[in-house]
PDB file of all heavy atoms in Angstrom:
ATOM      1  N   ASP A   1     112.147 108.035 101.098  1.00  0.00           N
ATOM      2  CA  ASP A   1     111.795 109.367 101.633  1.00  0.00           C
ATOM      3  C   ASP A   1     110.585 109.276 102.540  1.00  0.00           C
ATOM      4  O   ASP A   1     109.928 108.204 102.635  1.00  0.00           O
ATOM      5  CB  ASP A   1     111.637 110.394 100.476  1.00  0.00           C
ATOM      6  CG  ASP A   1     110.402 110.210  99.665  1.00  0.00           C
ATOM      7  OD1 ASP A   1     109.512 109.417 100.009  1.00  0.00           O
ATOM      8  OD2 ASP A   1     110.300 110.852  98.540  1.00  0.00           O
ATOM      9  N   PRO A   2     110.152 110.354 103.189  1.00  0.00           N
ATOM     10  CA  PRO A   2     109.084 110.290 104.136  1.00  0.00           C
ATOM     11  C   PRO A   2     107.720 109.881 103.485  1.00  0.00           C
ATOM     12  O   PRO A   2     106.816 109.524 104.179  1.00  0.00           O
ATOM     13  CB  PRO A   2     108.991 111.718 104.670  1.00  0.00           C
ATOM     14  CG  PRO A   2     110.368 112.249 104.541  1.00  0.00           C
ATOM     15  CD  PRO A   2     110.882 111.703 103.251  1.00  0.00           C
ATOM     16  N   ALA A   3     107.579 110.019 102.149  1.00  0.00           N
ATOM     17  CA  ALA A   3     106.371 109.678 101.480  1.00  0.00           C
ATOM     18  C   ALA A   3     106.389 108.229 100.900  1.00  0.00           C
ATOM     19  O   ALA A   3     105.492 107.818 100.214  1.00  0.00           O
ATOM     20  CB  ALA A   3     106.038 110.654 100.339  1.00  0.00           C
ATOM     21  N   GLY A   4     107.473 107.493 101.226  1.00  0.00           N
ATOM     22  CA  GLY A   4     107.566 106.094 100.788  1.00  0.00           C
ATOM     23  C   GLY A   4     108.121 105.884  99.429  1.00  0.00           C
ATOM     24  O   GLY A   4     108.002 104.790  98.820  1.00  0.00           O
ATOM     25  N   ARG A   5     108.802 106.908  98.820  1.00  0.00           N
ATOM     26  CA  ARG A   5     109.452 106.782  97.580  1.00  0.00           C
ATOM     27  C   ARG A   5     110.924 106.286  97.829  1.00  0.00           C
ATOM     28  O   ARG A   5     111.559 106.706  98.726  1.00  0.00           O
ATOM     29  CB  ARG A   5     109.515 108.111  96.821  1.00  0.00           C
ATOM     30  CG  ARG A   5     108.136 108.855  96.662  1.00  0.00           C
ATOM     31  CD  ARG A   5     108.386 110.188  96.073  1.00  0.00           C
ATOM     32  NE  ARG A   5     107.135 111.015  95.945  1.00  0.00           N
ATOM     33  CZ  ARG A   5     106.747 111.959  96.861  1.00  0.00           C
ATOM     34  NH1 ARG A   5     107.650 112.180  97.943  1.00  0.00           N
ATOM     35  NH2 ARG A   5     105.674 112.622  96.752  1.00  0.00           N
ATOM     36  N   PHE A   6     111.430 105.457  96.963  1.00  0.00           N
ATOM     37  CA  PHE A   6     112.716 104.822  97.109  1.00  0.00           C
ATOM     38  C   PHE A   6     113.657 105.508  96.141  1.00  0.00           C
ATOM     39  O   PHE A   6     113.455 105.534  94.916  1.00  0.00           O
ATOM     40  CB  PHE A   6     112.726 103.370  96.823  1.00  0.00           C
ATOM     41  CG  PHE A   6     113.961 102.590  97.115  1.00  0.00           C
ATOM     42  CD1 PHE A   6     114.817 102.998  98.142  1.00  0.00           C
ATOM     43  CD2 PHE A   6     114.282 101.416  96.442  1.00  0.00           C
ATOM     44  CE1 PHE A   6     115.985 102.289  98.428  1.00  0.00           C
ATOM     45  CE2 PHE A   6     115.442 100.753  96.689  1.00  0.00           C
ATOM     46  CZ  PHE A   6     116.291 101.168  97.688  1.00  0.00           C
ATOM     47  N   TRP A   7     114.737 106.192  96.652  1.00  0.00           N
ATOM     48  CA  TRP A   7     115.688 106.925  95.900  1.00  0.00           C
ATOM     49  C   TRP A   7     117.000 106.131  95.882  1.00  0.00           C
ATOM     50  O   TRP A   7     117.440 105.649  96.904  1.00  0.00           O
ATOM     51  CB  TRP A   7     115.949 108.293  96.500  1.00  0.00           C
ATOM     52  CG  TRP A   7     114.830 109.249  96.588  1.00  0.00           C
ATOM     53  CD1 TRP A   7     113.672 109.041  97.250  1.00  0.00           C
ATOM     54  CD2 TRP A   7     114.717 110.520  95.990  1.00  0.00           C
ATOM     55  NE1 TRP A   7     112.831 110.128  97.100  1.00  0.00           N
ATOM     56  CE2 TRP A   7     113.488 111.067  96.365  1.00  0.00           C
ATOM     57  CE3 TRP A   7     115.584 111.277  95.186  1.00  0.00           C
ATOM     58  CZ2 TRP A   7     113.091 112.403  95.947  1.00  0.00           C
ATOM     59  CZ3 TRP A   7     115.199 112.543  94.757  1.00  0.00           C
ATOM     60  CH2 TRP A   7     113.956 113.067  95.126  1.00  0.00           C
ATOM     61  N   ALA A   8     117.590 106.046  94.663  1.00  0.00           N
ATOM     62  CA  ALA A   8     118.918 105.351  94.582  1.00  0.00           C
ATOM     63  C   ALA A   8     119.626 105.894  93.345  1.00  0.00           C
ATOM     64  O   ALA A   8     118.997 106.257  92.347  1.00  0.00           O
ATOM     65  CB  ALA A   8     118.819 103.829  94.515  1.00  0.00           C
ATOM     66  N   GLY A   9     120.964 105.965  93.437  1.00  0.00           N
ATOM     67  CA  GLY A   9     121.682 106.488  92.265  1.00  0.00           C
ATOM     68  C   GLY A   9     122.561 105.445  91.645  1.00  0.00           C
ATOM     69  O   GLY A   9     122.751 104.339  92.161  1.00  0.00           O
ATOM     70  N   THR A  10     123.095 105.807  90.470  1.00  0.00           N
ATOM     71  CA  THR A  10     123.922 104.871  89.733  1.00  0.00           C
ATOM     72  C   THR A  10     125.390 105.411  89.668  1.00  0.00           C
ATOM     73  O   THR A  10     125.687 106.621  89.992  1.00  0.00           O
ATOM     74  CB  THR A  10     123.462 104.727  88.306  1.00  0.00           C
ATOM     75  OG1 THR A  10     123.343 106.010  87.651  1.00  0.00           O
ATOM     76  CG2 THR A  10     122.034 104.059  88.244  1.00  0.00           C
ATOM     77  N   MET A  11     126.252 104.487  89.284  1.00  0.00           N
ATOM     78  CA  MET A  11     127.688 104.830  89.126  1.00  0.00           C
ATOM     79  C   MET A  11     128.254 103.876  88.100  1.00  0.00           C
ATOM     80  O   MET A  11     127.755 102.773  87.878  1.00  0.00           O
ATOM     81  CB  MET A  11     128.414 104.755  90.488  1.00  0.00           C
ATOM     82  CG  MET A  11     128.381 103.382  91.126  1.00  0.00           C
ATOM     83  SD  MET A  11     129.382 103.140  92.590  1.00  0.00           S
ATOM     84  CE  MET A  11     131.001 103.068  91.860  1.00  0.00           C
ATOM     85  N   ALA A  12     129.343 104.269  87.544  1.00  0.00           N
ATOM     86  CA  ALA A  12     130.080 103.446  86.585  1.00  0.00           C
ATOM     87  C   ALA A  12     130.879 102.327  87.376  1.00  0.00           C
ATOM     88  O   ALA A  12     131.444 102.585  88.474  1.00  0.00           O
ATOM     89  CB  ALA A  12     131.035 104.236  85.751  1.00  0.00           C
ATOM     90  N   LEU A  13     130.890 101.127  86.806  1.00  0.00           N
ATOM     91  CA  LEU A  13     131.625 100.012  87.438  1.00  0.00           C
ATOM     92  C   LEU A  13     133.123 100.392  87.551  1.00  0.00           C
ATOM     93  O   LEU A  13     133.799  99.948  88.505  1.00  0.00           O
ATOM     94  CB  LEU A  13     131.413  98.727  86.651  1.00  0.00           C
ATOM     95  CG  LEU A  13     130.049  98.116  86.801  1.00  0.00           C
ATOM     96  CD1 LEU A  13     129.920  97.011  85.725  1.00  0.00           C
ATOM     97  CD2 LEU A  13     129.821  97.536  88.172  1.00  0.00           C
ATOM     98  N   ASP A  14     133.605 101.142  86.598  1.00  0.00           N
ATOM     99  CA  ASP A  14     134.992 101.536  86.659  1.00  0.00           C
ATOM    100  C   ASP A  14     135.220 102.886  87.356  1.00  0.00           C
ATOM    101  O   ASP A  14     136.258 103.501  87.360  1.00  0.00           O
ATOM    102  CB  ASP A  14     135.651 101.592  85.244  1.00  0.00           C
ATOM    103  CG  ASP A  14     134.922 102.697  84.328  1.00  0.00           C
ATOM    104  OD1 ASP A  14     134.078 103.375  84.848  1.00  0.00           O
ATOM    105  OD2 ASP A  14     135.322 102.732  83.153  1.00  0.00           O
ATOM    106  N   GLU A  15     134.084 103.393  87.989  1.00  0.00           N
ATOM    107  CA  GLU A  15     134.070 104.640  88.775  1.00  0.00           C
ATOM    108  C   GLU A  15     134.441 105.850  87.933  1.00  0.00           C
ATOM    109  O   GLU A  15     134.903 106.914  88.472  1.00  0.00           O
ATOM    110  CB  GLU A  15     134.984 104.507  89.990  1.00  0.00           C
ATOM    111  CG  GLU A  15     134.561 103.395  90.915  1.00  0.00           C
ATOM    112  CD  GLU A  15     135.359 103.257  92.146  1.00  0.00           C
ATOM    113  OE1 GLU A  15     136.299 104.129  92.437  1.00  0.00           O
ATOM    114  OE2 GLU A  15     135.162 102.287  92.919  1.00  0.00           O
ATOM    115  N   LYS A  16     134.137 105.869  86.638  1.00  0.00           N
ATOM    116  CA  LYS A  16     134.321 106.986  85.786  1.00  0.00           C
ATOM    117  C   LYS A  16     133.462 108.183  86.257  1.00  0.00           C
ATOM    118  O   LYS A  16     132.327 107.993  86.700  1.00  0.00           O
ATOM    119  CB  LYS A  16     133.957 106.624  84.336  1.00  0.00           C
ATOM    120  CG  LYS A  16     134.115 107.771  83.295  1.00  0.00           C
ATOM    121  CD  LYS A  16     133.781 107.253  81.918  1.00  0.00           C
ATOM    122  CE  LYS A  16     132.370 106.784  81.771  1.00  0.00           C
ATOM    123  NZ  LYS A  16     132.025 106.349  80.388  1.00  0.00           N
ATOM    124  N   GLY A  17     133.995 109.373  86.212  1.00  0.00           N
ATOM    125  CA  GLY A  17     133.316 110.506  86.717  1.00  0.00           C
ATOM    126  C   GLY A  17     132.078 110.919  85.906  1.00  0.00           C
ATOM    127  O   GLY A  17     132.047 110.727  84.712  1.00  0.00           O
ATOM    128  N   ALA A  18     131.067 111.404  86.617  1.00  0.00           N
ATOM    129  CA  ALA A  18     129.860 111.972  85.959  1.00  0.00           C
ATOM    130  C   ALA A  18     129.080 111.021  85.110  1.00  0.00           C
ATOM    131  O   ALA A  18     128.384 111.429  84.195  1.00  0.00           O
ATOM    132  CB  ALA A  18     130.206 113.288  85.251  1.00  0.00           C
ATOM    133  N   ALA A  19     129.206 109.701  85.391  1.00  0.00           N
ATOM    134  CA  ALA A  19     128.570 108.721  84.548  1.00  0.00           C
ATOM    135  C   ALA A  19     127.227 108.229  85.118  1.00  0.00           C
ATOM    136  O   ALA A  19     126.433 107.516  84.448  1.00  0.00           O
ATOM    137  CB  ALA A  19     129.426 107.530  84.349  1.00  0.00           C
ATOM    138  N   GLY A  20     126.920 108.676  86.339  1.00  0.00           N
ATOM    139  CA  GLY A  20     125.665 108.237  87.006  1.00  0.00           C
ATOM    140  C   GLY A  20     124.632 109.258  87.130  1.00  0.00           C
ATOM    141  O   GLY A  20     124.798 110.433  86.777  1.00  0.00           O
ATOM    142  N   SER A  21     123.485 108.811  87.661  1.00  0.00           N
ATOM    143  CA  SER A  21     122.342 109.710  87.900  1.00  0.00           C
ATOM    144  C   SER A  21     121.671 109.261  89.182  1.00  0.00           C
ATOM    145  O   SER A  21     121.902 108.212  89.725  1.00  0.00           O
ATOM    146  CB  SER A  21     121.333 109.673  86.750  1.00  0.00           C
ATOM    147  OG  SER A  21     121.925 110.132  85.553  1.00  0.00           O
ATOM    148  N   LEU A  22     120.767 110.110  89.693  1.00  0.00           N
ATOM    149  CA  LEU A  22     119.975 109.825  90.862  1.00  0.00           C
ATOM    150  C   LEU A  22     118.508 109.657  90.410  1.00  0.00           C
ATOM    151  O   LEU A  22     117.973 110.440  89.722  1.00  0.00           O
ATOM    152  CB  LEU A  22     120.061 110.984  91.849  1.00  0.00           C
ATOM    153  CG  LEU A  22     119.200 110.864  93.145  1.00  0.00           C
ATOM    154  CD1 LEU A  22     119.663 109.634  94.005  1.00  0.00           C
ATOM    155  CD2 LEU A  22     119.215 112.155  93.942  1.00  0.00           C
ATOM    156  N   TYR A  23     117.928 108.505  90.848  1.00  0.00           N
ATOM    157  CA  TYR A  23     116.565 108.153  90.468  1.00  0.00           C
ATOM    158  C   TYR A  23     115.637 108.058  91.652  1.00  0.00           C
ATOM    159  O   TYR A  23     116.075 107.740  92.748  1.00  0.00           O
ATOM    160  CB  TYR A  23     116.599 106.777  89.690  1.00  0.00           C
ATOM    161  CG  TYR A  23     117.328 106.877  88.429  1.00  0.00           C
ATOM    162  CD1 TYR A  23     118.678 106.564  88.347  1.00  0.00           C
ATOM    163  CD2 TYR A  23     116.677 107.232  87.189  1.00  0.00           C
ATOM    164  CE1 TYR A  23     119.353 106.681  87.159  1.00  0.00           C
ATOM    165  CE2 TYR A  23     117.410 107.343  86.012  1.00  0.00           C
ATOM    166  CZ  TYR A  23     118.741 107.053  85.978  1.00  0.00           C
ATOM    167  OH  TYR A  23     119.412 107.099  84.810  1.00  0.00           O
ATOM    168  N   ARG A  24     114.332 108.201  91.351  1.00  0.00           N
ATOM    169  CA  ARG A  24     113.291 108.074  92.367  1.00  0.00           C
ATOM    170  C   ARG A  24     112.228 107.064  91.896  1.00  0.00           C
ATOM    171  O   ARG A  24     111.701 107.287  90.824  1.00  0.00           O
ATOM    172  CB  ARG A  24     112.642 109.476  92.644  1.00  0.00           C
ATOM    173  CG  ARG A  24     111.686 109.513  93.817  1.00  0.00           C
ATOM    174  CD  ARG A  24     110.907 110.814  93.789  1.00  0.00           C
ATOM    175  NE  ARG A  24     109.829 110.785  92.787  1.00  0.00           N
ATOM    176  CZ  ARG A  24     109.374 111.875  92.210  1.00  0.00           C
ATOM    177  NH1 ARG A  24     109.837 113.050  92.469  1.00  0.00           N
ATOM    178  NH2 ARG A  24     108.344 111.728  91.284  1.00  0.00           N
ATOM    179  N   LEU A  25     111.991 106.062  92.702  1.00  0.00           N
ATOM    180  CA  LEU A  25     110.949 105.065  92.407  1.00  0.00           C
ATOM    181  C   LEU A  25     109.766 105.404  93.324  1.00  0.00           C
ATOM    182  O   LEU A  25     109.782 105.324  94.518  1.00  0.00           O
ATOM    183  CB  LEU A  25     111.420 103.673  92.757  1.00  0.00           C
ATOM    184  CG  LEU A  25     110.387 102.563  92.722  1.00  0.00           C
ATOM    185  CD1 LEU A  25     109.975 102.260  91.284  1.00  0.00           C
ATOM    186  CD2 LEU A  25     110.978 101.276  93.328  1.00  0.00           C
ATOM    187  N   ASP A  26     108.616 105.784  92.660  1.00  0.00           N
ATOM    188  CA  ASP A  26     107.403 106.118  93.401  1.00  0.00           C
ATOM    189  C   ASP A  26     106.631 104.848  93.757  1.00  0.00           C
ATOM    190  O   ASP A  26     106.915 103.772  93.196  1.00  0.00           O
ATOM    191  CB  ASP A  26     106.515 106.965  92.511  1.00  0.00           C
ATOM    192  CG  ASP A  26     107.076 108.395  92.399  1.00  0.00           C
ATOM    193  OD1 ASP A  26     108.177 108.674  92.928  1.00  0.00           O
ATOM    194  OD2 ASP A  26     106.373 109.203  91.747  1.00  0.00           O
ATOM    195  N   PRO A  27     105.770 104.874  94.737  1.00  0.00           N
ATOM    196  CA  PRO A  27     105.058 103.678  95.150  1.00  0.00           C
ATOM    197  C   PRO A  27     104.216 102.997  94.064  1.00  0.00           C
ATOM    198  O   PRO A  27     103.970 101.784  94.132  1.00  0.00           O
ATOM    199  CB  PRO A  27     104.168 104.231  96.278  1.00  0.00           C
ATOM    200  CG  PRO A  27     104.900 105.351  96.814  1.00  0.00           C
ATOM    201  CD  PRO A  27     105.554 106.026  95.690  1.00  0.00           C
ATOM    202  N   ASP A  28     103.900 103.798  92.971  1.00  0.00           N
ATOM    203  CA  ASP A  28     103.172 103.140  91.901  1.00  0.00           C
ATOM    204  C   ASP A  28     104.086 102.504  90.842  1.00  0.00           C
ATOM    205  O   ASP A  28     103.596 102.070  89.793  1.00  0.00           O
ATOM    206  CB  ASP A  28     102.289 104.158  91.196  1.00  0.00           C
ATOM    207  CG  ASP A  28     102.988 105.340  90.608  1.00  0.00           C
ATOM    208  OD1 ASP A  28     104.248 105.308  90.554  1.00  0.00           O
ATOM    209  OD2 ASP A  28     102.303 106.316  90.138  1.00  0.00           O
ATOM    210  N   GLY A  29     105.394 102.500  91.112  1.00  0.00           N
ATOM    211  CA  GLY A  29     106.298 101.825  90.181  1.00  0.00           C
ATOM    212  C   GLY A  29     106.905 102.778  89.128  1.00  0.00           C
ATOM    213  O   GLY A  29     107.793 102.320  88.418  1.00  0.00           O
ATOM    214  N   ARG A  30     106.487 104.031  89.138  1.00  0.00           N
ATOM    215  CA  ARG A  30     107.081 104.967  88.142  1.00  0.00           C
ATOM    216  C   ARG A  30     108.510 105.415  88.595  1.00  0.00           C
ATOM    217  O   ARG A  30     108.732 105.618  89.821  1.00  0.00           O
ATOM    218  CB  ARG A  30     106.233 106.193  87.919  1.00  0.00           C
ATOM    219  CG  ARG A  30     104.915 105.857  87.219  1.00  0.00           C
ATOM    220  CD  ARG A  30     104.114 107.173  87.010  1.00  0.00           C
ATOM    221  NE  ARG A  30     103.705 107.736  88.285  1.00  0.00           N
ATOM    222  CZ  ARG A  30     103.119 108.951  88.430  1.00  0.00           C
ATOM    223  NH1 ARG A  30     102.844 109.715  87.365  1.00  0.00           N
ATOM    224  NH2 ARG A  30     102.753 109.347  89.594  1.00  0.00           N
TER     225      ARG A  30
END
């Protein structure tokens, strides 16, 4: 994002529905 946070989401290897989430990694590692 514009503040340098890295966003990435997850998914099931078998592509099962609603198994993933969206995460945000802040510059301090949180």
